[in-house]
Amino acid sequence: MTGGSTMDVVFYLVPSLMLAGVLYLSYRVLRRSLQIRSAWNSGLTAEGRCLRVFTTMHGGGGDSSVSTTLHHVYEFTARDGRTVRFEEENGPATNLEGDFVTIHYAEGQNVVATAKPPQRGRLAASTVGILAFLGVFVVFCVGFMVTFHAMSDEFGFGDDVDDTTNTVVVDGVTLTP
């Protein structure tokens, strides 16, 4: 950072915090995709039951649109006899409370399960699409910080405003504040 002004900190801190959030979101998207893929690839299935269906809504403040997410709570018995209960977002709207469904799961200390039928191509496409969108956001944030840094070096952003001995050259014209 050039002269250490408070504005310099803002122009680096805010994009850095946004980057941290986007990278965390990318991690969550990739992790969930790998979990679902592992449940499908394990070959283990069980009959499960839909215990509860509910929705959550986000947005709607001011002029923003409302986004609704459908949630299902499922329960099944794994091959080792453990009863497993899990919640899944954006499952089929046709699954209602009390319905029996096929659960795909992967064993382990923490059982990973899904009631979504195997659609590997769709899962891969949606994961790549979301990660590409988040990647564009990362490039924008990094580009903003690099551009700000380059401009602050060239034009003296953040330098002392009381220093009148600085000169700036723009397109061959020397300017003295």
C-alpha atoms as a PDB file:
ATOM      1  CA  MET A   1       0.000   0.000   0.000  1.00  0.00           C
ATOM      2  CA  THR A   2       1.197   3.501  -0.713  1.00  0.00           C
ATOM      3  CA  GLY A   3       1.113   6.164   2.023  1.00  0.00           C
ATOM      4  CA  GLY A   4      -1.002   4.016   4.397  1.00  0.00           C
ATOM      5  CA  SER A   5      -4.198   6.051   4.183  1.00  0.00           C
ATOM      6  CA  THR A   6      -7.456   4.721   5.567  1.00  0.00           C
ATOM      7  CA  MET A   7      -8.984   4.680   2.088  1.00  0.00           C
ATOM      8  CA  ASP A   8      -6.200   2.385   0.890  1.00  0.00           C
ATOM      9  CA  VAL A   9      -7.145  -0.096   3.604  1.00  0.00           C
ATOM     10  CA  VAL A  10     -10.794   0.001   2.506  1.00  0.00           C
ATOM     11  CA  PHE A  11      -9.886  -0.599  -1.143  1.00  0.00           C
ATOM     12  CA  TYR A  12      -7.893  -3.695  -0.168  1.00  0.00           C
ATOM     13  CA  LEU A  13      -9.904  -4.979   2.799  1.00  0.00           C
ATOM     14  CA  VAL A  14     -13.389  -4.992   1.255  1.00  0.00           C
ATOM     15  CA  PRO A  15     -12.397  -6.961  -1.881  1.00  0.00           C
ATOM     16  CA  SER A  16     -10.321  -9.310   0.306  1.00  0.00           C
ATOM     17  CA  LEU A  17     -13.346 -10.045   2.505  1.00  0.00           C
ATOM     18  CA  MET A  18     -15.466 -10.583  -0.602  1.00  0.00           C
ATOM     19  CA  LEU A  19     -12.801 -12.962  -1.933  1.00  0.00           C
ATOM     20  CA  ALA A  20     -12.806 -14.911   1.324  1.00  0.00           C
ATOM     21  CA  GLY A  21     -16.587 -15.303   1.115  1.00  0.00           C
ATOM     22  CA  VAL A  22     -16.490 -16.425  -2.514  1.00  0.00           C
ATOM     23  CA  LEU A  23     -13.684 -18.911  -1.850  1.00  0.00           C
ATOM     24  CA  TYR A  24     -15.644 -20.366   1.087  1.00  0.00           C
ATOM     25  CA  LEU A  25     -18.744 -20.656  -1.111  1.00  0.00           C
ATOM     26  CA  SER A  26     -16.649 -22.390  -3.800  1.00  0.00           C
ATOM     27  CA  TYR A  27     -15.382 -24.849  -1.198  1.00  0.00           C
ATOM     28  CA  ARG A  28     -18.946 -25.628  -0.069  1.00  0.00           C
ATOM     29  CA  VAL A  29     -20.212 -26.137  -3.638  1.00  0.00           C
ATOM     30  CA  LEU A  30     -17.322 -28.433  -4.550  1.00  0.00           C
ATOM     31  CA  ARG A  31     -17.580 -30.382  -1.275  1.00  0.00           C
ATOM     32  CA  ARG A  32     -21.320 -31.019  -1.681  1.00  0.00           C
ATOM     33  CA  SER A  33     -20.857 -32.060  -5.294  1.00  0.00           C
ATOM     34  CA  LEU A  34     -18.185 -34.572  -4.292  1.00  0.00           C
ATOM     35  CA  GLN A  35     -20.391 -35.907  -1.475  1.00  0.00           C
ATOM     36  CA  ILE A  36     -23.332 -36.493  -3.805  1.00  0.00           C
ATOM     37  CA  ARG A  37     -21.057 -38.127  -6.388  1.00  0.00           C
ATOM     38  CA  SER A  38     -19.574 -40.392  -3.705  1.00  0.00           C
ATOM     39  CA  ALA A  39     -23.076 -41.451  -2.569  1.00  0.00           C
ATOM     40  CA  TRP A  40     -24.039 -42.303  -6.152  1.00  0.00           C
ATOM     41  CA  ASN A  41     -20.765 -44.119  -6.876  1.00  0.00           C
ATOM     42  CA  SER A  42     -20.829 -46.246  -3.708  1.00  0.00           C
ATOM     43  CA  GLY A  43     -23.593 -48.432  -5.125  1.00  0.00           C
ATOM     44  CA  LEU A  44     -25.310 -48.560  -1.719  1.00  0.00           C
ATOM     45  CA  THR A  45     -29.031 -47.862  -1.603  1.00  0.00           C
ATOM     46  CA  ALA A  46     -31.689 -48.144   1.044  1.00  0.00           C
ATOM     47  CA  GLU A  47     -35.373 -47.515   1.298  1.00  0.00           C
ATOM     48  CA  GLY A  48     -35.926 -44.270   3.136  1.00  0.00           C
ATOM     49  CA  ARG A  49     -38.883 -42.252   4.207  1.00  0.00           C
ATOM     50  CA  CYS A  50     -39.581 -38.557   3.805  1.00  0.00           C
ATOM     51  CA  LEU A  51     -40.308 -37.288   7.315  1.00  0.00           C
ATOM     52  CA  ARG A  52     -40.850 -33.624   6.613  1.00  0.00           C
ATOM     53  CA  VAL A  53     -41.042 -31.120   3.760  1.00  0.00           C
ATOM     54  CA  PHE A  54     -40.641 -27.388   4.295  1.00  0.00           C
ATOM     55  CA  THR A  55     -39.580 -24.257   2.448  1.00  0.00           C
ATOM     56  CA  THR A  56     -37.402 -21.306   3.332  1.00  0.00           C
ATOM     57  CA  MET A  57     -37.636 -17.929   1.654  1.00  0.00           C
ATOM     58  CA  HIS A  58     -34.909 -15.351   1.120  1.00  0.00           C
ATOM     59  CA  GLY A  59     -35.104 -11.817  -0.216  1.00  0.00           C
ATOM     60  CA  GLY A  60     -38.234  -9.812  -0.787  1.00  0.00           C
ATOM     61  CA  GLY A  61     -36.933  -6.668   0.901  1.00  0.00           C
ATOM     62  CA  GLY A  62     -37.566  -3.530  -1.113  1.00  0.00           C
ATOM     63  CA  ASP A  63     -37.611  -4.319  -4.812  1.00  0.00           C
ATOM     64  CA  SER A  64     -35.746  -7.639  -4.625  1.00  0.00           C
ATOM     65  CA  SER A  65     -37.354 -10.884  -5.694  1.00  0.00           C
ATOM     66  CA  VAL A  66     -38.166 -13.702  -3.307  1.00  0.00           C
ATOM     67  CA  SER A  67     -36.220 -16.955  -3.602  1.00  0.00           C
ATOM     68  CA  THR A  68     -37.797 -20.126  -2.216  1.00  0.00           C
ATOM     69  CA  THR A  69     -35.818 -23.257  -1.317  1.00  0.00           C
ATOM     70  CA  LEU A  70     -37.513 -26.624  -0.836  1.00  0.00           C
ATOM     71  CA  HIS A  71     -36.113 -28.818   1.958  1.00  0.00           C
ATOM     72  CA  HIS A  72     -36.754 -32.502   2.670  1.00  0.00           C
ATOM     73  CA  VAL A  73     -35.893 -34.431   5.829  1.00  0.00           C
ATOM     74  CA  TYR A  74     -35.284 -38.131   5.149  1.00  0.00           C
ATOM     75  CA  GLU A  75     -34.580 -41.122   7.363  1.00  0.00           C
ATOM     76  CA  PHE A  76     -33.228 -44.548   6.451  1.00  0.00           C
ATOM     77  CA  THR A  77     -31.414 -47.498   8.009  1.00  0.00           C
ATOM     78  CA  ALA A  78     -27.872 -48.034   6.750  1.00  0.00           C
ATOM     79  CA  ARG A  79     -26.482 -51.485   6.072  1.00  0.00           C
ATOM     80  CA  ASP A  80     -24.664 -51.492   9.458  1.00  0.00           C
ATOM     81  CA  GLY A  81     -27.983 -50.933  11.300  1.00  0.00           C
ATOM     82  CA  ARG A  82     -27.552 -47.225  12.046  1.00  0.00           C
ATOM     83  CA  THR A  83     -30.590 -45.027  11.589  1.00  0.00           C
ATOM     84  CA  VAL A  84     -29.578 -41.998   9.568  1.00  0.00           C
ATOM     85  CA  ARG A  85     -31.606 -38.802   9.293  1.00  0.00           C
ATOM     86  CA  PHE A  86     -30.564 -36.020   6.929  1.00  0.00           C
ATOM     87  CA  GLU A  87     -31.884 -32.870   5.352  1.00  0.00           C
ATOM     88  CA  GLU A  88     -31.518 -32.125   1.663  1.00  0.00           C
ATOM     89  CA  GLU A  89     -32.185 -28.900  -0.219  1.00  0.00           C
ATOM     90  CA  ASN A  90     -33.784 -28.635  -3.644  1.00  0.00           C
ATOM     91  CA  GLY A  91     -34.976 -32.207  -3.866  1.00  0.00           C
ATOM     92  CA  PRO A  92     -37.883 -33.345  -6.040  1.00  0.00           C
ATOM     93  CA  ALA A  93     -41.062 -31.387  -5.309  1.00  0.00           C
ATOM     94  CA  THR A  94     -43.013 -34.628  -5.842  1.00  0.00           C
ATOM     95  CA  ASN A  95     -41.576 -36.178  -2.643  1.00  0.00           C
ATOM     96  CA  LEU A  96     -44.108 -35.554   0.119  1.00  0.00           C
ATOM     97  CA  GLU A  97     -44.179 -36.368   3.826  1.00  0.00           C
ATOM     98  CA  GLY A  98     -44.628 -40.106   4.339  1.00  0.00           C
ATOM     99  CA  ASP A  99     -43.376 -41.072   0.866  1.00  0.00           C
ATOM    100  CA  PHE A 100     -40.884 -43.906   0.532  1.00  0.00           C
ATOM    101  CA  VAL A 101     -37.835 -43.025  -1.558  1.00  0.00           C
ATOM    102  CA  THR A 102     -34.593 -44.633  -2.673  1.00  0.00           C
ATOM    103  CA  ILE A 103     -31.612 -43.251  -0.771  1.00  0.00           C
ATOM    104  CA  HIS A 104     -28.109 -43.426  -2.256  1.00  0.00           C
ATOM    105  CA  TYR A 105     -25.440 -43.292   0.429  1.00  0.00           C
ATOM    106  CA  ALA A 106     -21.763 -43.793   1.160  1.00  0.00           C
ATOM    107  CA  GLU A 107     -20.699 -45.425   4.412  1.00  0.00           C
ATOM    108  CA  GLY A 108     -18.162 -44.038   6.803  1.00  0.00           C
ATOM    109  CA  GLN A 109     -17.998 -42.323  10.157  1.00  0.00           C
ATOM    110  CA  ASN A 110     -20.293 -39.647   8.734  1.00  0.00           C
ATOM    111  CA  VAL A 111     -22.734 -41.204   6.290  1.00  0.00           C
ATOM    112  CA  VAL A 112     -23.217 -39.113   3.143  1.00  0.00           C
ATOM    113  CA  ALA A 113     -26.641 -39.557   1.575  1.00  0.00           C
ATOM    114  CA  THR A 114     -28.919 -38.160  -1.090  1.00  0.00           C
ATOM    115  CA  ALA A 115     -32.422 -38.927  -2.302  1.00  0.00           C
ATOM    116  CA  LYS A 116     -31.659 -37.379  -5.681  1.00  0.00           C
ATOM    117  CA  PRO A 117     -31.511 -39.919  -8.513  1.00  0.00           C
ATOM    118  CA  PRO A 118     -28.100 -40.224 -10.197  1.00  0.00           C
ATOM    119  CA  GLN A 119     -27.630 -37.480 -12.804  1.00  0.00           C
ATOM    120  CA  ARG A 120     -23.855 -37.207 -13.064  1.00  0.00           C
ATOM    121  CA  GLY A 121     -23.827 -34.958 -16.131  1.00  0.00           C
ATOM    122  CA  ARG A 122     -26.260 -32.503 -14.608  1.00  0.00           C
ATOM    123  CA  LEU A 123     -24.320 -32.441 -11.334  1.00  0.00           C
ATOM    124  CA  ALA A 124     -21.025 -31.810 -13.158  1.00  0.00           C
ATOM    125  CA  ALA A 125     -22.537 -29.088 -15.353  1.00  0.00           C
ATOM    126  CA  SER A 126     -24.122 -27.239 -12.436  1.00  0.00           C
ATOM    127  CA  THR A 127     -20.942 -27.475 -10.356  1.00  0.00           C
ATOM    128  CA  VAL A 128     -18.772 -26.186 -13.207  1.00  0.00           C
ATOM    129  CA  GLY A 129     -21.275 -23.403 -13.945  1.00  0.00           C
ATOM    130  CA  ILE A 130     -21.382 -22.194 -10.351  1.00  0.00           C
ATOM    131  CA  LEU A 131     -17.586 -22.387  -9.975  1.00  0.00           C
ATOM    132  CA  ALA A 132     -17.114 -20.486 -13.275  1.00  0.00           C
ATOM    133  CA  PHE A 133     -19.430 -17.710 -12.073  1.00  0.00           C
ATOM    134  CA  LEU A 134     -17.585 -17.500  -8.758  1.00  0.00           C
ATOM    135  CA  GLY A 135     -14.280 -17.529 -10.660  1.00  0.00           C
ATOM    136  CA  VAL A 136     -15.361 -14.459 -12.638  1.00  0.00           C
ATOM    137  CA  PHE A 137     -16.115 -12.742  -9.328  1.00  0.00           C
ATOM    138  CA  VAL A 138     -12.631 -13.669  -8.020  1.00  0.00           C
ATOM    139  CA  VAL A 139     -10.997 -12.267 -11.172  1.00  0.00           C
ATOM    140  CA  PHE A 140     -13.002  -9.043 -10.794  1.00  0.00           C
ATOM    141  CA  CYS A 141     -11.943  -8.577  -7.143  1.00  0.00           C
ATOM    142  CA  VAL A 142      -8.276  -9.313  -7.834  1.00  0.00           C
ATOM    143  CA  GLY A 143      -8.362  -7.076 -10.914  1.00  0.00           C
ATOM    144  CA  PHE A 144      -9.881  -4.263  -8.872  1.00  0.00           C
ATOM    145  CA  MET A 145      -7.133  -4.502  -6.229  1.00  0.00           C
ATOM    146  CA  VAL A 146      -4.349  -4.697  -8.842  1.00  0.00           C
ATOM    147  CA  THR A 147      -5.784  -1.725 -10.745  1.00  0.00           C
ATOM    148  CA  PHE A 148      -6.146   0.312  -7.566  1.00  0.00           C
ATOM    149  CA  HIS A 149      -2.565  -0.510  -6.588  1.00  0.00           C
ATOM    150  CA  ALA A 150      -1.231   0.467 -10.024  1.00  0.00           C
ATOM    151  CA  MET A 151      -3.202   3.720 -10.050  1.00  0.00           C
ATOM    152  CA  SER A 152      -2.199   4.605  -6.500  1.00  0.00           C
ATOM    153  CA  ASP A 153       1.470   4.154  -7.453  1.00  0.00           C
ATOM    154  CA  GLU A 154       1.143   6.168 -10.662  1.00  0.00           C
ATOM    155  CA  PHE A 155      -1.015   9.008  -9.358  1.00  0.00           C
ATOM    156  CA  GLY A 156       0.116   9.069  -5.738  1.00  0.00           C
ATOM    157  CA  PHE A 157      -3.188   8.047  -4.114  1.00  0.00           C
ATOM    158  CA  GLY A 158      -2.710   7.870  -0.379  1.00  0.00           C
ATOM    159  CA  ASP A 159       0.320  10.164  -0.299  1.00  0.00           C
ATOM    160  CA  ASP A 160       0.384  13.135   2.052  1.00  0.00           C
ATOM    161  CA  VAL A 161      -1.871  15.904   0.774  1.00  0.00           C
ATOM    162  CA  ASP A 162       0.354  18.586   2.418  1.00  0.00           C
ATOM    163  CA  ASP A 163       3.346  17.652   0.263  1.00  0.00           C
ATOM    164  CA  THR A 164       3.424  20.226  -2.557  1.00  0.00           C
ATOM    165  CA  THR A 165       6.741  19.109  -4.000  1.00  0.00           C
ATOM    166  CA  ASN A 166       5.256  16.115  -5.823  1.00  0.00           C
ATOM    167  CA  THR A 167       4.791  16.363  -9.546  1.00  0.00           C
ATOM    168  CA  VAL A 168       2.678  14.147 -11.720  1.00  0.00           C
ATOM    169  CA  VAL A 169       3.335  13.539 -15.399  1.00  0.00           C
ATOM    170  CA  VAL A 170       0.251  12.741 -17.494  1.00  0.00           C
ATOM    171  CA  ASP A 171       0.716  12.213 -21.225  1.00  0.00           C
ATOM    172  CA  GLY A 172       3.977  14.143 -21.184  1.00  0.00           C
ATOM    173  CA  VAL A 173       2.533  17.150 -19.304  1.00  0.00           C
ATOM    174  CA  THR A 174       4.061  17.835 -15.881  1.00  0.00           C
ATOM    175  CA  LEU A 175       1.503  18.869 -13.255  1.00  0.00           C
ATOM    176  CA  THR A 176       2.485  20.311  -9.877  1.00  0.00           C
ATOM    177  CA  PRO A 177      -0.206  20.400  -7.213  1.00  0.00           C
END
